[in-house]
Amino acid sequence: MSGSRSYRIRLNRKHACVTGLKAKIMDRSAAEGAGAGHSDGFAIVARGVGVRKGDRWILKDVDWTVPRGACVAVLGPNGSGKSSLARVISGYLWPTEGEVSVLGEPFGAVDLHALRESIRLVQPIGQAEPASEMTAFQVALTGAFGTVGLYREAPAEAQAEAERLLGVVGLRSVSRHPYQTLSNGERIRCLIARALVRKPRLLLLDEPTAGLDLLAREQVLATIESLFRAGEDPPTVVLITHHLEELPPAVSRVMVLDEGKIAAEGTPEAVLTSDLLSTVYRCPLDVVRSDGRYYSRVSPGAWDGLLASS
């Protein structure tokens, strides 16, 4: 039997178990959401959300609730709809079908421009670049106005908050350095500080560690974790990523997307299983947990089968 055929059979055998797991996890999540009775306890409520582009559904039948003040993750392979979901939640992409409520405000009955004042979206690419002469401190300070540049003097309170947040994300020593000279990891941490200056109630982090080396990645994850260890009232954080290794221990719930649909949603312990993720990523893998972190491990013995099945 060829390696690719054997691999497909193994995944098919797992599919029935994974489907049962998905139903079990989703039923429990739905019961928890129904117990709340309304959206007051949730930062995000999505019901039957779908996004269609041409003949393809980018998202389909997405039912999702995110508790206020939680750190949750959206996990899935390329093309699974993660970034599209972030754009829907932030009000930049209108769903083709379904209902969305963010911070208790239903879309269609709220001024999205006003709502975005309480939401911040951080992405490593796709954001306008600040002027080359701006320092890290000045870039962080633009968060007080929601602009790319500084067009007027910021209040002393905003300046103090920008300074404090640069210290929180570990950039105090480079706060007066030109932003353009910062490493990619330092830029992302600066953008997170910028996003927090106005104390948003919802922080969306869309693949914030993309392209970073090991140290820079861990510094970004430490920054996210610190938001939930400061003893303050943290914003609701949604972390979007491809990789298990990029989930900090603060993550309390995980939604896994597969081809625009929810494969599973629930606690990390319930969702991050070898069988489920092997099916979603089309790759036989083992999930390992250590010190509150999760890691995926693929045996080199599976590589031939992966090449044959592509």
C-alpha atoms as a PDB file:
ATOM      1  CA  MET A   1       0.000   0.000   0.000  1.00  0.00           C
ATOM      2  CA  SER A   2       1.434   3.424  -0.961  1.00  0.00           C
ATOM      3  CA  GLY A   3       2.372   5.962   1.723  1.00  0.00           C
ATOM      4  CA  SER A   4      -0.266   8.473   0.543  1.00  0.00           C
ATOM      5  CA  ARG A   5      -3.047   5.857   0.441  1.00  0.00           C
ATOM      6  CA  SER A   6      -2.116   4.602   3.928  1.00  0.00           C
ATOM      7  CA  TYR A   7      -2.091   8.167   5.237  1.00  0.00           C
ATOM      8  CA  ARG A   8      -5.560   8.903   3.756  1.00  0.00           C
ATOM      9  CA  ILE A   9      -6.995   5.735   5.299  1.00  0.00           C
ATOM     10  CA  ARG A  10      -5.603   6.681   8.723  1.00  0.00           C
ATOM     11  CA  LEU A  11      -7.209  10.102   8.482  1.00  0.00           C
ATOM     12  CA  ASN A  12     -10.530   8.646   7.322  1.00  0.00           C
ATOM     13  CA  ARG A  13     -10.569   6.288  10.292  1.00  0.00           C
ATOM     14  CA  LYS A  14      -9.939   9.238  12.578  1.00  0.00           C
ATOM     15  CA  HIS A  15     -12.669  11.333  10.974  1.00  0.00           C
ATOM     16  CA  ALA A  16     -15.542   9.549  12.697  1.00  0.00           C
ATOM     17  CA  CYS A  17     -13.877   9.990  16.096  1.00  0.00           C
ATOM     18  CA  VAL A  18     -13.104  13.633  15.372  1.00  0.00           C
ATOM     19  CA  THR A  19     -16.687  14.300  14.249  1.00  0.00           C
ATOM     20  CA  GLY A  20     -17.947  12.885  17.522  1.00  0.00           C
ATOM     21  CA  LEU A  21     -15.466  14.984  19.471  1.00  0.00           C
ATOM     22  CA  LYS A  22     -16.532  18.095  17.560  1.00  0.00           C
ATOM     23  CA  ALA A  23     -20.206  17.484  18.341  1.00  0.00           C
ATOM     24  CA  LYS A  24     -19.436  16.887  22.010  1.00  0.00           C
ATOM     25  CA  ILE A  25     -17.322  20.047  22.347  1.00  0.00           C
ATOM     26  CA  MET A  26     -19.754  22.230  20.375  1.00  0.00           C
ATOM     27  CA  ASP A  27     -22.761  20.975  22.330  1.00  0.00           C
ATOM     28  CA  ARG A  28     -21.072  21.865  25.615  1.00  0.00           C
ATOM     29  CA  SER A  29     -20.062  25.297  24.294  1.00  0.00           C
ATOM     30  CA  ALA A  30     -23.589  25.984  23.062  1.00  0.00           C
ATOM     31  CA  ALA A  31     -25.025  25.001  26.417  1.00  0.00           C
ATOM     32  CA  GLU A  32     -22.655  27.384  28.168  1.00  0.00           C
ATOM     33  CA  GLY A  33     -23.651  30.190  25.807  1.00  0.00           C
ATOM     34  CA  ALA A  34     -27.351  29.453  26.213  1.00  0.00           C
ATOM     35  CA  GLY A  35     -26.929  29.580  29.955  1.00  0.00           C
ATOM     36  CA  ALA A  36     -25.905  33.223  29.678  1.00  0.00           C
ATOM     37  CA  GLY A  37     -29.247  33.990  28.065  1.00  0.00           C
ATOM     38  CA  HIS A  38     -28.024  37.094  26.212  1.00  0.00           C
ATOM     39  CA  SER A  39     -24.863  38.779  24.912  1.00  0.00           C
ATOM     40  CA  ASP A  40     -24.159  40.909  28.008  1.00  0.00           C
ATOM     41  CA  GLY A  41     -21.487  38.510  29.269  1.00  0.00           C
ATOM     42  CA  PHE A  42     -19.802  38.183  25.894  1.00  0.00           C
ATOM     43  CA  ALA A  43     -17.449  40.409  23.961  1.00  0.00           C
ATOM     44  CA  ILE A  44     -18.284  38.597  20.709  1.00  0.00           C
ATOM     45  CA  VAL A  45     -21.408  36.731  19.639  1.00  0.00           C
ATOM     46  CA  ALA A  46     -21.632  35.283  16.125  1.00  0.00           C
ATOM     47  CA  ARG A  47     -24.666  33.305  14.990  1.00  0.00           C
ATOM     48  CA  GLY A  48     -24.729  31.504  11.641  1.00  0.00           C
ATOM     49  CA  VAL A  49     -22.110  33.814  10.173  1.00  0.00           C
ATOM     50  CA  GLY A  50     -21.036  33.201   6.593  1.00  0.00           C
ATOM     51  CA  VAL A  51     -18.919  35.140   4.096  1.00  0.00           C
ATOM     52  CA  ARG A  52     -19.172  34.325   0.417  1.00  0.00           C
ATOM     53  CA  LYS A  53     -16.809  35.515  -2.299  1.00  0.00           C
ATOM     54  CA  GLY A  54     -17.931  34.524  -5.759  1.00  0.00           C
ATOM     55  CA  ASP A  55     -18.862  30.859  -5.657  1.00  0.00           C
ATOM     56  CA  ARG A  56     -16.815  30.119  -2.551  1.00  0.00           C
ATOM     57  CA  TRP A  57     -17.801  30.353   1.093  1.00  0.00           C
ATOM     58  CA  ILE A  58     -14.819  31.824   2.983  1.00  0.00           C
ATOM     59  CA  LEU A  59     -16.742  31.334   6.254  1.00  0.00           C
ATOM     60  CA  LYS A  60     -19.855  29.244   6.763  1.00  0.00           C
ATOM     61  CA  ASP A  61     -22.173  28.500   9.728  1.00  0.00           C
ATOM     62  CA  VAL A  62     -19.917  30.118  12.324  1.00  0.00           C
ATOM     63  CA  ASP A  63     -21.518  30.107  15.795  1.00  0.00           C
ATOM     64  CA  TRP A  64     -19.084  31.576  18.303  1.00  0.00           C
ATOM     65  CA  THR A  65     -19.149  33.329  21.655  1.00  0.00           C
ATOM     66  CA  VAL A  66     -16.200  34.947  23.424  1.00  0.00           C
ATOM     67  CA  PRO A  67     -16.522  35.863  27.129  1.00  0.00           C
ATOM     68  CA  ARG A  68     -15.597  39.398  28.107  1.00  0.00           C
ATOM     69  CA  GLY A  69     -12.072  39.711  29.462  1.00  0.00           C
ATOM     70  CA  ALA A  70     -10.952  36.323  28.137  1.00  0.00           C
ATOM     71  CA  CYS A  71      -7.939  35.452  26.024  1.00  0.00           C
ATOM     72  CA  VAL A  72      -9.059  33.132  23.228  1.00  0.00           C
ATOM     73  CA  ALA A  73      -7.380  31.758  20.125  1.00  0.00           C
ATOM     74  CA  VAL A  74      -8.500  31.072  16.570  1.00  0.00           C
ATOM     75  CA  LEU A  75      -6.391  28.291  15.096  1.00  0.00           C
ATOM     76  CA  GLY A  76      -6.285  26.763  11.650  1.00  0.00           C
ATOM     77  CA  PRO A  77      -4.269  26.235   8.474  1.00  0.00           C
ATOM     78  CA  ASN A  78      -3.833  28.742   5.660  1.00  0.00           C
ATOM     79  CA  GLY A  79      -7.083  29.588   3.921  1.00  0.00           C
ATOM     80  CA  SER A  80      -9.298  28.406   6.774  1.00  0.00           C
ATOM     81  CA  GLY A  81     -10.961  31.835   7.204  1.00  0.00           C
ATOM     82  CA  LYS A  82      -9.142  33.147  10.283  1.00  0.00           C
ATOM     83  CA  SER A  83      -8.234  36.591   8.980  1.00  0.00           C
ATOM     84  CA  SER A  84     -11.623  36.979   7.300  1.00  0.00           C
ATOM     85  CA  LEU A  85     -13.246  36.333  10.674  1.00  0.00           C
ATOM     86  CA  ALA A  86     -11.040  39.025  12.245  1.00  0.00           C
ATOM     87  CA  ARG A  87     -12.188  41.501   9.590  1.00  0.00           C
ATOM     88  CA  VAL A  88     -15.822  40.610  10.248  1.00  0.00           C
ATOM     89  CA  ILE A  89     -15.440  41.087  14.011  1.00  0.00           C
ATOM     90  CA  SER A  90     -13.658  44.425  13.543  1.00  0.00           C
ATOM     91  CA  GLY A  91     -16.399  45.647  11.207  1.00  0.00           C
ATOM     92  CA  TYR A  92     -14.301  45.846   8.037  1.00  0.00           C
ATOM     93  CA  LEU A  93     -15.972  42.923   6.275  1.00  0.00           C
ATOM     94  CA  TRP A  94     -19.748  42.574   6.255  1.00  0.00           C
ATOM     95  CA  PRO A  95     -20.977  38.968   6.510  1.00  0.00           C
ATOM     96  CA  THR A  96     -23.059  37.536   3.701  1.00  0.00           C
ATOM     97  CA  GLU A  97     -25.333  35.887   6.243  1.00  0.00           C
ATOM     98  CA  GLY A  98     -25.776  35.580   9.990  1.00  0.00           C
ATOM     99  CA  GLU A  99     -25.708  37.941  12.958  1.00  0.00           C
ATOM    100  CA  VAL A 100     -22.783  39.543  14.774  1.00  0.00           C
ATOM    101  CA  SER A 101     -22.713  41.375  18.092  1.00  0.00           C
ATOM    102  CA  VAL A 102     -19.481  42.918  19.425  1.00  0.00           C
ATOM    103  CA  LEU A 103     -19.189  44.405  22.921  1.00  0.00           C
ATOM    104  CA  GLY A 104     -22.944  44.084  23.282  1.00  0.00           C
ATOM    105  CA  GLU A 105     -23.645  46.055  20.082  1.00  0.00           C
ATOM    106  CA  PRO A 106     -25.424  44.234  17.237  1.00  0.00           C
ATOM    107  CA  PHE A 107     -24.135  44.951  13.753  1.00  0.00           C
ATOM    108  CA  GLY A 108     -26.775  46.754  11.724  1.00  0.00           C
ATOM    109  CA  ALA A 109     -27.955  48.718  14.755  1.00  0.00           C
ATOM    110  CA  VAL A 110     -24.674  50.358  15.793  1.00  0.00           C
ATOM    111  CA  ASP A 111     -22.360  53.010  14.394  1.00  0.00           C
ATOM    112  CA  LEU A 112     -19.371  50.844  13.410  1.00  0.00           C
ATOM    113  CA  HIS A 113     -17.039  53.826  13.341  1.00  0.00           C
ATOM    114  CA  ALA A 114     -17.891  54.590  16.950  1.00  0.00           C
ATOM    115  CA  LEU A 115     -17.658  50.913  17.936  1.00  0.00           C
ATOM    116  CA  ARG A 116     -14.154  50.650  16.455  1.00  0.00           C
ATOM    117  CA  GLU A 117     -12.988  53.173  19.053  1.00  0.00           C
ATOM    118  CA  SER A 118     -13.211  50.262  21.520  1.00  0.00           C
ATOM    119  CA  ILE A 119     -11.561  47.733  19.175  1.00  0.00           C
ATOM    120  CA  ARG A 120      -7.963  47.473  18.061  1.00  0.00           C
ATOM    121  CA  LEU A 121      -6.652  45.179  15.313  1.00  0.00           C
ATOM    122  CA  VAL A 122      -2.895  44.475  15.204  1.00  0.00           C
ATOM    123  CA  GLN A 123      -1.364  42.853  12.115  1.00  0.00           C
ATOM    124  CA  PRO A 124       2.308  42.443  11.172  1.00  0.00           C
ATOM    125  CA  ILE A 125       1.575  43.456   7.582  1.00  0.00           C
ATOM    126  CA  GLY A 126      -1.090  45.499   5.834  1.00  0.00           C
ATOM    127  CA  GLN A 127      -0.949  48.461   8.218  1.00  0.00           C
ATOM    128  CA  ALA A 128       0.189  51.895   7.054  1.00  0.00           C
ATOM    129  CA  GLU A 129       3.835  52.586   7.848  1.00  0.00           C
ATOM    130  CA  PRO A 130       4.614  55.576  10.079  1.00  0.00           C
ATOM    131  CA  ALA A 131       6.935  58.340   8.875  1.00  0.00           C
ATOM    132  CA  SER A 132      10.587  57.307   8.905  1.00  0.00           C
ATOM    133  CA  GLU A 133      11.586  59.931  11.471  1.00  0.00           C
ATOM    134  CA  MET A 134       9.051  58.814  14.086  1.00  0.00           C
ATOM    135  CA  THR A 135      10.367  57.144  17.235  1.00  0.00           C
ATOM    136  CA  ALA A 136       8.909  54.065  18.899  1.00  0.00           C
ATOM    137  CA  PHE A 137       7.425  56.349  21.559  1.00  0.00           C
ATOM    138  CA  GLN A 138       5.760  58.549  18.946  1.00  0.00           C
ATOM    139  CA  VAL A 139       4.321  55.536  17.129  1.00  0.00           C
ATOM    140  CA  ALA A 140       2.902  54.191  20.394  1.00  0.00           C
ATOM    141  CA  LEU A 141       1.492  57.630  21.146  1.00  0.00           C
ATOM    142  CA  THR A 142      -0.463  57.723  17.870  1.00  0.00           C
ATOM    143  CA  GLY A 143      -2.704  55.133  19.502  1.00  0.00           C
ATOM    144  CA  ALA A 144      -4.209  57.979  21.527  1.00  0.00           C
ATOM    145  CA  PHE A 145      -5.637  59.418  18.296  1.00  0.00           C
ATOM    146  CA  GLY A 146      -6.033  56.327  16.106  1.00  0.00           C
ATOM    147  CA  THR A 147      -3.915  57.952  13.394  1.00  0.00           C
ATOM    148  CA  VAL A 148      -0.716  56.953  11.597  1.00  0.00           C
ATOM    149  CA  GLY A 149       1.049  60.217  12.365  1.00  0.00           C
ATOM    150  CA  LEU A 150       1.107  62.750  15.222  1.00  0.00           C
ATOM    151  CA  TYR A 151      -0.699  65.886  14.156  1.00  0.00           C
ATOM    152  CA  ARG A 152      -1.073  67.588  17.528  1.00  0.00           C
ATOM    153  CA  GLU A 153       0.433  67.354  20.965  1.00  0.00           C
ATOM    154  CA  ALA A 154      -0.917  64.481  23.011  1.00  0.00           C
ATOM    155  CA  PRO A 155      -2.189  65.077  26.551  1.00  0.00           C
ATOM    156  CA  ALA A 156       0.296  64.373  29.340  1.00  0.00           C
ATOM    157  CA  GLU A 157      -1.835  61.426  30.498  1.00  0.00           C
ATOM    158  CA  ALA A 158      -1.594  59.791  27.065  1.00  0.00           C
ATOM    159  CA  GLN A 159       2.163  60.364  26.950  1.00  0.00           C
ATOM    160  CA  ALA A 160       2.590  58.761  30.365  1.00  0.00           C
ATOM    161  CA  GLU A 161       0.467  55.793  29.304  1.00  0.00           C
ATOM    162  CA  ALA A 162       2.499  55.291  26.128  1.00  0.00           C
ATOM    163  CA  GLU A 163       5.693  55.335  28.187  1.00  0.00           C
ATOM    164  CA  ARG A 164       4.253  52.840  30.653  1.00  0.00           C
ATOM    165  CA  LEU A 165       3.077  50.459  27.954  1.00  0.00           C
ATOM    166  CA  LEU A 166       6.416  50.506  26.153  1.00  0.00           C
ATOM    167  CA  GLY A 167       7.893  49.385  29.456  1.00  0.00           C
ATOM    168  CA  VAL A 168       5.263  46.652  29.762  1.00  0.00           C
ATOM    169  CA  VAL A 169       6.161  45.256  26.328  1.00  0.00           C
ATOM    170  CA  GLY A 170       9.897  45.474  27.044  1.00  0.00           C
ATOM    171  CA  LEU A 171      10.785  48.438  24.819  1.00  0.00           C
ATOM    172  CA  ARG A 172      11.670  51.122  27.338  1.00  0.00           C
ATOM    173  CA  SER A 173      15.342  51.080  26.301  1.00  0.00           C
ATOM    174  CA  VAL A 174      14.512  51.722  22.621  1.00  0.00           C
ATOM    175  CA  SER A 175      11.538  54.040  23.097  1.00  0.00           C
ATOM    176  CA  ARG A 176      13.432  56.988  21.546  1.00  0.00           C
ATOM    177  CA  HIS A 177      14.915  54.956  18.705  1.00  0.00           C
ATOM    178  CA  PRO A 178      13.518  55.463  15.190  1.00  0.00           C
ATOM    179  CA  TYR A 179      10.690  53.001  14.625  1.00  0.00           C
ATOM    180  CA  GLN A 180      12.189  52.034  11.252  1.00  0.00           C
ATOM    181  CA  THR A 181      15.336  50.745  12.989  1.00  0.00           C
ATOM    182  CA  LEU A 182      13.441  48.346  15.259  1.00  0.00           C
ATOM    183  CA  SER A 183      13.437  44.621  14.546  1.00  0.00           C
ATOM    184  CA  ASN A 184      10.210  43.016  13.317  1.00  0.00           C
ATOM    185  CA  GLY A 185       9.512  41.623  16.779  1.00  0.00           C
ATOM    186  CA  GLU A 186      10.092  45.016  18.405  1.00  0.00           C
ATOM    187  CA  ARG A 187       7.752  46.643  15.897  1.00  0.00           C
ATOM    188  CA  ILE A 188       4.963  44.211  16.728  1.00  0.00           C
ATOM    189  CA  ARG A 189       5.393  44.857  20.451  1.00  0.00           C
ATOM    190  CA  CYS A 190       5.370  48.585  19.766  1.00  0.00           C
ATOM    191  CA  LEU A 191       2.115  48.186  17.811  1.00  0.00           C
ATOM    192  CA  ILE A 192       0.596  46.239  20.703  1.00  0.00           C
ATOM    193  CA  ALA A 193       1.551  49.087  23.051  1.00  0.00           C
ATOM    194  CA  ARG A 194       0.023  51.523  20.538  1.00  0.00           C
ATOM    195  CA  ALA A 195      -3.190  49.499  20.446  1.00  0.00           C
ATOM    196  CA  LEU A 196      -3.478  49.577  24.250  1.00  0.00           C
ATOM    197  CA  VAL A 197      -2.968  53.326  24.787  1.00  0.00           C
ATOM    198  CA  ARG A 198      -6.698  54.073  24.595  1.00  0.00           C
ATOM    199  CA  LYS A 199      -7.593  51.042  26.699  1.00  0.00           C
ATOM    200  CA  PRO A 200      -9.608  49.102  24.093  1.00  0.00           C
ATOM    201  CA  ARG A 201     -12.174  46.599  25.257  1.00  0.00           C
ATOM    202  CA  LEU A 202     -11.329  44.172  22.422  1.00  0.00           C
ATOM    203  CA  LEU A 203      -7.843  43.477  21.049  1.00  0.00           C
ATOM    204  CA  LEU A 204      -7.538  41.393  17.866  1.00  0.00           C
ATOM    205  CA  LEU A 205      -4.049  40.033  17.163  1.00  0.00           C
ATOM    206  CA  ASP A 206      -3.913  38.638  13.622  1.00  0.00           C
ATOM    207  CA  GLU A 207      -0.851  36.379  13.363  1.00  0.00           C
ATOM    208  CA  PRO A 208       1.323  38.757  15.408  1.00  0.00           C
ATOM    209  CA  THR A 209       4.322  36.398  15.396  1.00  0.00           C
ATOM    210  CA  ALA A 210       4.409  35.740  11.642  1.00  0.00           C
ATOM    211  CA  GLY A 211       7.970  35.765  10.337  1.00  0.00           C
ATOM    212  CA  LEU A 212       9.600  36.208  13.737  1.00  0.00           C
ATOM    213  CA  ASP A 213      12.560  34.249  15.040  1.00  0.00           C
ATOM    214  CA  LEU A 214      12.337  32.224  18.251  1.00  0.00           C
ATOM    215  CA  LEU A 215      13.330  34.991  20.675  1.00  0.00           C
ATOM    216  CA  ALA A 216      11.108  37.622  19.050  1.00  0.00           C
ATOM    217  CA  ARG A 217       8.164  35.210  19.023  1.00  0.00           C
ATOM    218  CA  GLU A 218       8.553  34.415  22.699  1.00  0.00           C
ATOM    219  CA  GLN A 219       8.810  38.119  23.546  1.00  0.00           C
ATOM    220  CA  VAL A 220       5.509  38.783  21.773  1.00  0.00           C
ATOM    221  CA  LEU A 221       3.858  35.862  23.581  1.00  0.00           C
ATOM    222  CA  ALA A 222       5.253  37.112  26.896  1.00  0.00           C
ATOM    223  CA  THR A 223       3.705  40.498  26.112  1.00  0.00           C
ATOM    224  CA  ILE A 224       0.282  38.911  25.556  1.00  0.00           C
ATOM    225  CA  GLU A 225       0.588  36.823  28.719  1.00  0.00           C
ATOM    226  CA  SER A 226       1.578  39.904  30.755  1.00  0.00           C
ATOM    227  CA  LEU A 227      -1.782  41.533  29.998  1.00  0.00           C
ATOM    228  CA  PHE A 228      -3.447  38.839  32.101  1.00  0.00           C
ATOM    229  CA  ARG A 229      -0.919  38.876  34.934  1.00  0.00           C
ATOM    230  CA  ALA A 230      -0.904  42.595  35.643  1.00  0.00           C
ATOM    231  CA  GLY A 231      -3.790  42.397  38.097  1.00  0.00           C
ATOM    232  CA  GLU A 232      -5.720  44.934  36.052  1.00  0.00           C
ATOM    233  CA  ASP A 233      -8.874  44.648  33.971  1.00  0.00           C
ATOM    234  CA  PRO A 234      -7.522  43.271  30.663  1.00  0.00           C
ATOM    235  CA  PRO A 235      -9.217  43.687  27.303  1.00  0.00           C
ATOM    236  CA  THR A 236     -10.733  40.699  25.612  1.00  0.00           C
ATOM    237  CA  VAL A 237      -7.938  39.292  23.432  1.00  0.00           C
ATOM    238  CA  VAL A 238      -8.435  37.219  20.285  1.00  0.00           C
ATOM    239  CA  LEU A 239      -5.200  35.657  19.043  1.00  0.00           C
ATOM    240  CA  ILE A 240      -5.198  34.317  15.485  1.00  0.00           C
ATOM    241  CA  THR A 241      -2.447  31.899  14.512  1.00  0.00           C
ATOM    242  CA  HIS A 242      -1.483  28.789  12.558  1.00  0.00           C
ATOM    243  CA  HIS A 243       0.679  27.261  15.253  1.00  0.00           C
ATOM    244  CA  LEU A 244       0.061  25.551  18.588  1.00  0.00           C
ATOM    245  CA  GLU A 245       3.381  26.842  19.866  1.00  0.00           C
ATOM    246  CA  GLU A 246       2.042  30.406  19.669  1.00  0.00           C
ATOM    247  CA  LEU A 247      -0.703  29.954  22.272  1.00  0.00           C
ATOM    248  CA  PRO A 248       0.292  31.470  25.629  1.00  0.00           C
ATOM    249  CA  PRO A 249      -1.026  29.850  28.827  1.00  0.00           C
ATOM    250  CA  ALA A 250      -3.545  32.713  29.213  1.00  0.00           C
ATOM    251  CA  VAL A 251      -5.616  31.241  26.356  1.00  0.00           C
ATOM    252  CA  SER A 252      -8.747  29.770  27.923  1.00  0.00           C
ATOM    253  CA  ARG A 253     -10.673  28.780  24.792  1.00  0.00           C
ATOM    254  CA  VAL A 254      -9.696  27.755  21.271  1.00  0.00           C
ATOM    255  CA  MET A 255     -11.706  27.702  18.068  1.00  0.00           C
ATOM    256  CA  VAL A 256     -10.285  25.608  15.222  1.00  0.00           C
ATOM    257  CA  LEU A 257     -11.347  26.554  11.696  1.00  0.00           C
ATOM    258  CA  ASP A 258     -11.152  24.217   8.723  1.00  0.00           C
ATOM    259  CA  GLU A 259     -12.146  25.420   5.241  1.00  0.00           C
ATOM    260  CA  GLY A 260     -14.266  28.210   6.707  1.00  0.00           C
ATOM    261  CA  LYS A 261     -16.182  26.053   9.171  1.00  0.00           C
ATOM    262  CA  ILE A 262     -15.696  25.379  12.864  1.00  0.00           C
ATOM    263  CA  ALA A 263     -13.951  22.045  13.366  1.00  0.00           C
ATOM    264  CA  ALA A 264     -14.072  22.390  17.156  1.00  0.00           C
ATOM    265  CA  GLU A 265     -14.412  25.013  19.882  1.00  0.00           C
ATOM    266  CA  GLY A 266     -13.798  24.677  23.591  1.00  0.00           C
ATOM    267  CA  THR A 267     -11.079  24.576  26.209  1.00  0.00           C
ATOM    268  CA  PRO A 268      -7.527  23.905  24.989  1.00  0.00           C
ATOM    269  CA  GLU A 269      -7.548  20.541  26.772  1.00  0.00           C
ATOM    270  CA  ALA A 270     -10.658  19.434  24.897  1.00  0.00           C
ATOM    271  CA  VAL A 271      -9.786  20.854  21.474  1.00  0.00           C
ATOM    272  CA  LEU A 272      -6.038  20.509  21.020  1.00  0.00           C
ATOM    273  CA  THR A 273      -5.888  16.773  20.413  1.00  0.00           C
ATOM    274  CA  SER A 274      -3.671  14.819  18.052  1.00  0.00           C
ATOM    275  CA  ASP A 275      -6.596  13.247  16.165  1.00  0.00           C
ATOM    276  CA  LEU A 276      -8.470  16.508  15.561  1.00  0.00           C
ATOM    277  CA  LEU A 277      -5.461  18.544  14.471  1.00  0.00           C
ATOM    278  CA  SER A 278      -4.105  15.730  12.289  1.00  0.00           C
ATOM    279  CA  THR A 279      -7.387  15.858  10.389  1.00  0.00           C
ATOM    280  CA  VAL A 280      -7.569  19.654  10.174  1.00  0.00           C
ATOM    281  CA  TYR A 281      -3.962  20.119   9.058  1.00  0.00           C
ATOM    282  CA  ARG A 282      -3.959  17.031   6.790  1.00  0.00           C
ATOM    283  CA  CYS A 283      -0.797  15.928   8.510  1.00  0.00           C
ATOM    284  CA  PRO A 284      -0.252  13.131  11.070  1.00  0.00           C
ATOM    285  CA  LEU A 285       0.957  14.889  14.204  1.00  0.00           C
ATOM    286  CA  ASP A 286       1.213  14.411  17.934  1.00  0.00           C
ATOM    287  CA  VAL A 287       0.233  17.156  20.384  1.00  0.00           C
ATOM    288  CA  VAL A 288       2.466  17.584  23.416  1.00  0.00           C
ATOM    289  CA  ARG A 289       1.644  19.757  26.435  1.00  0.00           C
ATOM    290  CA  SER A 290       4.266  21.216  28.764  1.00  0.00           C
ATOM    291  CA  ASP A 291       4.045  24.040  31.341  1.00  0.00           C
ATOM    292  CA  GLY A 292       0.690  25.212  30.006  1.00  0.00           C
ATOM    293  CA  ARG A 293       1.973  25.364  26.414  1.00  0.00           C
ATOM    294  CA  TYR A 294       1.101  23.118  23.485  1.00  0.00           C
ATOM    295  CA  TYR A 295       3.446  21.838  20.776  1.00  0.00           C
ATOM    296  CA  SER A 296       2.937  19.818  17.606  1.00  0.00           C
ATOM    297  CA  ARG A 297       5.354  17.091  16.614  1.00  0.00           C
ATOM    298  CA  VAL A 298       5.527  15.438  13.201  1.00  0.00           C
ATOM    299  CA  SER A 299       7.663  12.348  12.732  1.00  0.00           C
ATOM    300  CA  PRO A 300      10.092  12.456   9.751  1.00  0.00           C
ATOM    301  CA  GLY A 301       8.752   9.022   8.919  1.00  0.00           C
ATOM    302  CA  ALA A 302       5.560  10.715   7.689  1.00  0.00           C
ATOM    303  CA  TRP A 303       7.293  13.056   5.243  1.00  0.00           C
ATOM    304  CA  ASP A 304       7.253  10.743   2.226  1.00  0.00           C
ATOM    305  CA  GLY A 305       3.502  10.279   2.615  1.00  0.00           C
ATOM    306  CA  LEU A 306       2.968  14.034   2.826  1.00  0.00           C
ATOM    307  CA  LEU A 307       4.837  14.623  -0.437  1.00  0.00           C
ATOM    308  CA  ALA A 308       3.008  11.791  -2.189  1.00  0.00           C
ATOM    309  CA  SER A 309      -0.404  13.141  -1.132  1.00  0.00           C
ATOM    310  CA  SER A 310       0.237  16.723  -2.330  1.00  0.00           C
END
